[in-house]
Amino acid sequence: MKNGSCGEKEKTGNPRKPSILIPYPGPFWKNNSQDIVIYLRPETNGVQVESTLFKVIRNNNEYKKNIKIAYLANLPGDFIIANKIVEKHYSVKLFFTVGGKSAFTPYMRDSFERYFRVSFKTAPIVGAFEALDMLKMGYDELFNIWVPGRDVFNVDGQTIKKFKGLYIVNYDIPAILHKNNYKTDIAVMIFRSTLKSSVFHGMILEMAEEFSRENILDPSKPVERVFHYSKSPYEQILDSLGYIYSSENQHIEYEDISFFNYLLFMGLKKTDVLDIIRHPVMHFKKGKFIKEENIFIYSEDMDYKNAYLCLSSVVSQPLLEYR
């Protein structure tokens, strides 16, 4: 799919509708199947990236046998903007990006001090939007700044990057939000996969190598610069809520999302699942200890059964106070 374009008239009129090339067939979670959502970054060449993804699958019998393309669609840029898809998808990251220092939980504060060996109280911790003004930088400049690995810290699904004396929360969010525009369409697909997580990761590495050979991806950059993929069952729900549409150009129903459907089958209520997605930072009991973590991260590489079972170790769930 090529990046589309639209004129001023399309900006002020009704947004274009998604093009559904392979309609979503409904939920399926037997035989350890998972629905992994893939969407291409708006700055990439959609046709070339898609071709490379499919080539890697096609050239490996194990991948071909265990992966089915269950959904394929093109979402127009004006549709994405009109429906605030990106803002909703990154709502948790935006909460911490806008809140900056004030949004940190006590666990995040302690973790920050242990990692950077500075006082949280006096450290100049700022959200990425505030950093743009302080550093007099553009979105892409901030996104592309390089620092040594020791100056990057991830906690509760948020990234803190130390740069020029500042500790910047989620440096990438401003650029991600502004890369989507009226002229930029993105391709979205679902890999319905029965591959083991280790094999799936191997496939992703092969795709990254292909991207490098075809000059799509700088070898020093992560594959996420080209496309996003769901790394956990709960992230599959988040991704599906934003990017999966029916043939009638409506969001698919909650219960039609495979892992959402599985959780309902296991006895959770719809409101329970939505609260997990909206407030993913939780406290998990591990032996004698309590660990705070973002459930999207905590459940990475889990199958549906274990992702459900991990809820039994949740002892509390701080509610993020969205403004």
Protein backbone atom coordinates (compact mmCIF):
# COMPACT_ATOMS: atom_id res chain seq x y z
CA MET A 1 0.00 0.00 0.00
CA LYS A 2 1.38 3.37 -0.90
CA ASN A 3 1.29 6.38 1.33
CA GLY A 4 -1.78 8.24 0.21
CA SER A 5 -2.34 11.94 -0.20
CA CYS A 6 -5.27 14.27 0.04
CA GLY A 7 -5.79 17.93 -0.60
CA GLU A 8 -7.16 20.75 1.51
CA LYS A 9 -10.69 19.88 0.49
CA GLU A 10 -10.31 16.43 2.06
CA LYS A 11 -8.96 17.98 5.25
CA THR A 12 -12.07 20.07 5.78
CA GLY A 13 -14.58 17.51 4.49
CA ASN A 14 -15.43 14.04 5.69
CA PRO A 15 -12.39 11.82 6.26
CA ARG A 16 -11.78 8.92 3.89
CA LYS A 17 -12.77 5.49 5.13
CA PRO A 18 -10.45 2.54 5.79
CA SER A 19 -9.87 0.13 2.91
CA ILE A 20 -10.43 -3.39 4.27
CA LEU A 21 -8.55 -5.81 2.01
CA ILE A 22 -8.85 -8.88 4.26
CA PRO A 23 -11.81 -8.57 6.68
CA TYR A 24 -11.28 -9.66 10.26
CA PRO A 25 -12.88 -13.13 10.64
CA GLY A 26 -13.70 -12.94 14.34
CA PRO A 27 -12.03 -14.23 17.51
CA PHE A 28 -10.02 -17.44 17.74
CA TRP A 29 -7.86 -18.61 20.63
CA LYS A 30 -7.65 -22.39 20.42
CA ASN A 31 -4.42 -24.33 19.78
CA ASN A 32 -2.39 -21.54 21.48
CA SER A 33 -3.29 -19.18 18.66
CA GLN A 34 -2.66 -15.47 19.16
CA ASP A 35 -3.70 -12.44 17.11
CA ILE A 36 -0.62 -10.21 16.82
CA VAL A 37 -1.40 -6.78 15.43
CA ILE A 38 1.13 -5.26 13.03
CA TYR A 39 0.99 -1.69 11.83
CA LEU A 40 3.55 0.06 9.68
CA ARG A 41 5.12 3.31 10.77
CA PRO A 42 3.74 6.23 8.72
CA GLU A 43 7.19 7.29 7.49
CA THR A 44 7.94 3.92 5.87
CA ASN A 45 7.30 2.77 2.31
CA GLY A 46 4.21 0.63 2.83
CA VAL A 47 4.50 -1.46 -0.32
CA GLN A 48 8.17 -2.33 0.18
CA VAL A 49 7.77 -3.13 3.87
CA GLU A 50 4.70 -5.32 3.30
CA SER A 51 6.47 -7.17 0.54
CA THR A 52 9.43 -7.86 2.81
CA LEU A 53 7.25 -9.08 5.69
CA PHE A 54 5.39 -11.51 3.47
CA LYS A 55 8.59 -12.68 1.75
CA VAL A 56 10.15 -13.72 5.07
CA ILE A 57 7.02 -15.70 5.96
CA ARG A 58 6.70 -17.22 2.51
CA ASN A 59 10.31 -18.43 2.45
CA ASN A 60 10.09 -20.38 5.70
CA ASN A 61 7.87 -23.47 5.95
CA GLU A 62 7.42 -23.19 9.71
CA TYR A 63 6.29 -19.58 9.42
CA LYS A 64 3.96 -20.39 6.52
CA LYS A 65 2.39 -23.27 8.43
CA ASN A 66 1.82 -21.33 11.65
CA ILE A 67 0.92 -17.82 10.49
CA LYS A 68 -2.25 -16.71 8.77
CA ILE A 69 -2.93 -13.13 7.67
CA ALA A 70 -6.25 -12.68 9.46
CA TYR A 71 -6.72 -8.98 8.66
CA LEU A 72 -5.28 -6.46 6.24
CA ALA A 73 -6.37 -2.86 5.89
CA ASN A 74 -5.25 0.62 4.90
CA LEU A 75 -6.14 3.44 7.31
CA PRO A 76 -6.11 6.91 5.71
CA GLY A 77 -4.27 9.66 7.52
CA ASP A 78 -7.31 11.95 7.72
CA PHE A 79 -9.36 9.09 9.21
CA ILE A 80 -6.65 8.47 11.83
CA ILE A 81 -6.56 12.15 12.76
CA ALA A 82 -10.34 12.63 12.81
CA ASN A 83 -10.75 9.66 15.16
CA LYS A 84 -7.72 10.57 17.33
CA ILE A 85 -6.49 6.99 16.96
CA VAL A 86 -2.86 7.72 17.81
CA GLU A 87 -3.68 9.89 20.83
CA LYS A 88 -6.01 7.23 22.24
CA HIS A 89 -3.49 4.47 21.56
CA TYR A 90 -0.76 6.32 23.46
CA SER A 91 -3.03 7.68 26.20
CA VAL A 92 -1.03 6.06 29.02
CA LYS A 93 2.29 7.31 27.65
CA LEU A 94 0.73 10.74 27.14
CA PHE A 95 -0.36 10.74 30.78
CA PHE A 96 3.25 10.36 31.89
CA THR A 97 4.64 12.59 29.13
CA VAL A 98 2.38 15.51 29.98
CA GLY A 99 2.53 14.91 33.73
CA GLY A 100 6.30 14.52 33.76
CA LYS A 101 7.74 14.42 37.25
CA SER A 102 4.36 14.80 38.95
CA ALA A 103 3.04 11.61 37.31
CA PHE A 104 5.71 9.32 38.79
CA THR A 105 4.52 6.70 41.26
CA PRO A 106 6.51 6.13 44.48
CA TYR A 107 8.00 2.99 42.89
CA MET A 108 9.07 4.95 39.80
CA ARG A 109 10.68 7.60 42.00
CA ASP A 110 12.68 5.02 43.94
CA SER A 111 13.67 3.18 40.75
CA PHE A 112 14.77 6.46 39.16
CA GLU A 113 17.03 7.27 42.13
CA ARG A 114 18.58 3.80 42.17
CA TYR A 115 19.27 3.84 38.43
CA PHE A 116 20.58 7.39 37.95
CA ARG A 117 21.99 7.81 41.49
CA VAL A 118 20.51 11.27 41.89
CA SER A 119 17.81 12.72 44.12
CA PHE A 120 14.37 12.51 42.54
CA LYS A 121 13.33 15.63 44.41
CA THR A 122 16.03 17.84 42.89
CA ALA A 123 16.50 16.13 39.50
CA PRO A 124 15.26 18.18 36.48
CA ILE A 125 12.73 15.62 35.21
CA VAL A 126 10.55 16.97 32.39
CA GLY A 127 8.01 15.59 29.95
CA ALA A 128 8.99 15.54 26.27
CA PHE A 129 6.77 18.47 25.30
CA GLU A 130 8.36 20.65 27.97
CA ALA A 131 11.80 19.46 26.84
CA LEU A 132 11.10 20.68 23.30
CA ASP A 133 10.75 24.24 24.59
CA MET A 134 13.68 24.02 26.98
CA LEU A 135 16.06 22.58 24.38
CA LYS A 136 14.68 24.63 21.46
CA MET A 137 14.36 21.43 19.42
CA GLY A 138 11.95 20.11 16.83
CA TYR A 139 10.01 16.85 17.23
CA ASP A 140 12.32 14.85 14.98
CA GLU A 141 15.46 16.30 16.58
CA LEU A 142 14.32 15.14 19.99
CA PHE A 143 13.29 11.76 18.60
CA ASN A 144 16.68 11.18 16.99
CA ILE A 145 19.00 12.26 19.80
CA TRP A 146 21.52 9.56 20.67
CA VAL A 147 22.79 8.92 24.18
CA PRO A 148 24.77 6.03 25.69
CA GLY A 149 22.70 3.10 26.88
CA ARG A 150 23.42 3.94 30.51
CA ASP A 151 21.50 7.22 30.06
CA VAL A 152 18.25 5.48 29.12
CA PHE A 153 15.97 3.98 31.75
CA ASN A 154 12.67 2.16 31.25
CA VAL A 155 10.20 1.87 34.10
CA ASP A 156 6.48 0.98 34.08
CA GLY A 157 6.52 1.14 30.28
CA GLN A 158 7.89 4.70 30.23
CA THR A 159 11.28 5.78 28.90
CA ILE A 160 13.47 8.33 30.69
CA LYS A 161 16.40 9.61 28.66
CA LYS A 162 19.13 11.76 30.17
CA PHE A 163 20.27 14.49 27.80
CA LYS A 164 22.05 17.78 28.46
CA GLY A 165 21.33 17.58 32.17
CA LEU A 166 17.61 16.90 31.72
CA TYR A 167 15.75 13.66 32.39
CA ILE A 168 13.22 13.53 29.56
CA VAL A 169 10.09 11.40 29.91
CA ASN A 170 9.01 9.64 26.69
CA TYR A 171 11.19 11.65 24.32
CA ASP A 172 9.61 9.91 21.30
CA ILE A 173 5.96 10.80 21.87
CA PRO A 174 5.89 14.28 20.23
CA ALA A 175 7.38 12.90 17.00
CA ILE A 176 5.08 9.86 16.97
CA LEU A 177 2.04 12.11 17.26
CA HIS A 178 3.21 14.47 14.53
CA LYS A 179 4.34 11.86 12.02
CA ASN A 180 0.68 11.11 11.37
CA ASN A 181 -0.86 13.67 9.06
CA TYR A 182 -3.64 13.97 6.49
CA LYS A 183 -1.39 12.73 3.70
CA THR A 184 -0.07 9.66 5.49
CA ASP A 185 -1.89 6.33 5.30
CA ILE A 186 -0.77 3.29 7.24
CA ALA A 187 -1.15 -0.43 6.65
CA VAL A 188 -2.49 -2.61 9.47
CA MET A 189 -2.60 -6.39 9.62
CA ILE A 190 -3.08 -9.28 12.03
CA PHE A 191 -0.75 -12.26 12.12
CA ARG A 192 -2.83 -15.11 13.55
CA SER A 193 0.09 -17.12 14.89
CA THR A 194 0.67 -20.45 16.61
CA LEU A 195 4.44 -19.96 16.67
CA LYS A 196 6.28 -20.22 19.99
CA SER A 197 7.40 -16.81 21.21
CA SER A 198 11.08 -17.66 20.68
CA VAL A 199 10.40 -18.63 17.05
CA PHE A 200 8.31 -15.52 16.49
CA HIS A 201 11.18 -13.36 17.78
CA GLY A 202 13.50 -15.16 15.39
CA MET A 203 11.17 -14.27 12.55
CA ILE A 204 11.18 -10.61 13.59
CA LEU A 205 14.99 -10.63 13.57
CA GLU A 206 14.95 -12.10 10.05
CA MET A 207 12.61 -9.31 8.97
CA ALA A 208 14.95 -6.72 10.47
CA GLU A 209 17.88 -8.24 8.56
CA GLU A 210 15.89 -8.09 5.33
CA PHE A 211 15.00 -4.47 5.99
CA SER A 212 18.69 -3.69 6.45
CA ARG A 213 19.64 -5.48 3.22
CA GLU A 214 17.02 -3.51 1.33
CA ASN A 215 18.07 -0.21 2.95
CA ILE A 216 14.70 0.17 4.68
CA LEU A 217 16.24 0.10 8.16
CA ASP A 218 19.53 1.35 9.57
CA PRO A 219 21.13 -1.79 11.12
CA SER A 220 21.79 0.15 14.32
CA LYS A 221 18.08 0.94 14.77
CA PRO A 222 15.41 -1.36 16.22
CA VAL A 223 12.85 -2.94 13.90
CA GLU A 224 10.16 -0.88 15.68
CA ARG A 225 11.33 2.07 13.58
CA VAL A 226 9.69 0.27 10.63
CA PHE A 227 6.66 -1.40 12.17
CA HIS A 228 4.97 -1.99 15.49
CA TYR A 229 3.83 -5.40 16.64
CA SER A 230 1.91 -6.50 19.74
CA LYS A 231 4.38 -7.90 22.25
CA SER A 232 1.87 -9.24 24.75
CA PRO A 233 -1.76 -10.40 24.82
CA TYR A 234 -2.88 -7.22 26.61
CA GLU A 235 -1.12 -5.10 24.02
CA GLN A 236 -3.02 -7.07 21.37
CA ILE A 237 -6.23 -5.71 22.91
CA LEU A 238 -4.86 -2.14 22.97
CA ASP A 239 -3.75 -2.38 19.34
CA SER A 240 -7.03 -3.93 18.21
CA LEU A 241 -9.09 -1.24 19.95
CA GLY A 242 -7.35 1.40 17.88
CA TYR A 243 -6.59 -0.14 14.53
CA ILE A 244 -8.97 -3.00 13.68
CA TYR A 245 -12.17 -2.14 11.82
CA SER A 246 -15.06 -4.08 10.38
CA SER A 247 -16.06 -4.03 6.72
CA GLU A 248 -18.58 -1.35 7.72
CA ASN A 249 -15.69 0.87 8.88
CA GLN A 250 -16.67 0.55 12.54
CA HIS A 251 -14.44 -0.64 15.36
CA ILE A 252 -14.83 -4.37 15.81
CA GLU A 253 -16.78 -5.25 18.95
CA TYR A 254 -14.80 -5.76 22.15
CA GLU A 255 -15.83 -9.40 22.39
CA ASP A 256 -14.55 -10.03 18.85
CA ILE A 257 -10.95 -9.30 19.86
CA SER A 258 -9.42 -12.72 20.43
CA PHE A 259 -7.74 -12.20 23.82
CA PHE A 260 -10.62 -9.99 25.01
CA ASN A 261 -12.95 -12.84 24.06
CA TYR A 262 -10.77 -15.31 25.96
CA LEU A 263 -10.85 -13.16 29.12
CA LEU A 264 -14.65 -12.91 28.92
CA PHE A 265 -14.79 -16.70 28.54
CA MET A 266 -12.65 -17.01 31.69
CA GLY A 267 -15.18 -14.95 33.65
CA LEU A 268 -13.97 -11.35 33.48
CA LYS A 269 -16.46 -8.58 32.75
CA LYS A 270 -16.05 -6.17 29.87
CA THR A 271 -15.47 -3.29 32.30
CA ASP A 272 -12.75 -5.31 34.06
CA VAL A 273 -10.81 -5.78 30.82
CA LEU A 274 -11.17 -2.15 29.79
CA ASP A 275 -9.90 -1.04 33.22
CA ILE A 276 -6.81 -3.22 32.73
CA ILE A 277 -6.06 -1.56 29.39
CA ARG A 278 -6.74 1.96 30.67
CA HIS A 279 -4.82 1.54 33.94
CA PRO A 280 -2.07 -0.96 33.10
CA VAL A 281 0.34 -0.09 35.93
CA MET A 282 -0.21 -2.74 38.62
CA HIS A 283 1.37 -4.27 41.70
CA PHE A 284 2.20 -7.95 41.30
CA LYS A 285 3.08 -10.28 44.16
CA LYS A 286 6.19 -12.35 43.46
CA GLY A 287 6.96 -14.57 46.43
CA LYS A 288 7.52 -12.28 49.41
CA PHE A 289 7.90 -9.20 47.25
CA ILE A 290 5.57 -6.78 45.50
CA LYS A 291 6.67 -5.59 42.05
CA GLU A 292 5.15 -2.64 40.22
CA GLU A 293 4.99 -3.09 36.47
CA ASN A 294 2.98 -2.20 33.39
CA ILE A 295 0.95 -5.30 32.52
CA PHE A 296 1.75 -4.81 28.82
CA ILE A 297 5.40 -5.35 29.75
CA TYR A 298 4.80 -7.90 32.51
CA SER A 299 2.89 -10.24 30.16
CA GLU A 300 5.30 -10.02 27.20
CA ASP A 301 5.65 -13.35 25.36
CA MET A 302 2.99 -15.02 27.53
CA ASP A 303 0.33 -17.22 25.99
CA TYR A 304 -3.31 -16.39 26.70
CA LYS A 305 -3.57 -18.79 29.63
CA ASN A 306 -0.57 -17.38 31.49
CA ALA A 307 -1.52 -13.79 30.66
CA TYR A 308 -4.87 -14.45 32.31
CA LEU A 309 -3.32 -16.29 35.28
CA CYS A 310 -0.94 -13.41 36.01
CA LEU A 311 -3.98 -11.40 37.11
CA SER A 312 -4.21 -13.64 40.18
CA SER A 313 -0.95 -12.12 41.46
CA VAL A 314 -2.23 -8.52 41.20
CA VAL A 315 -2.61 -7.04 44.68
CA SER A 316 -3.47 -3.46 43.68
CA GLN A 317 -3.93 -1.24 40.66
CA PRO A 318 -3.23 2.50 40.91
CA LEU A 319 -5.74 4.48 38.86
CA LEU A 320 -4.14 6.97 36.48
CA GLU A 321 -5.89 10.31 36.91
CA TYR A 322 -6.41 11.30 33.29
CA ARG A 323 -7.13 14.96 32.69
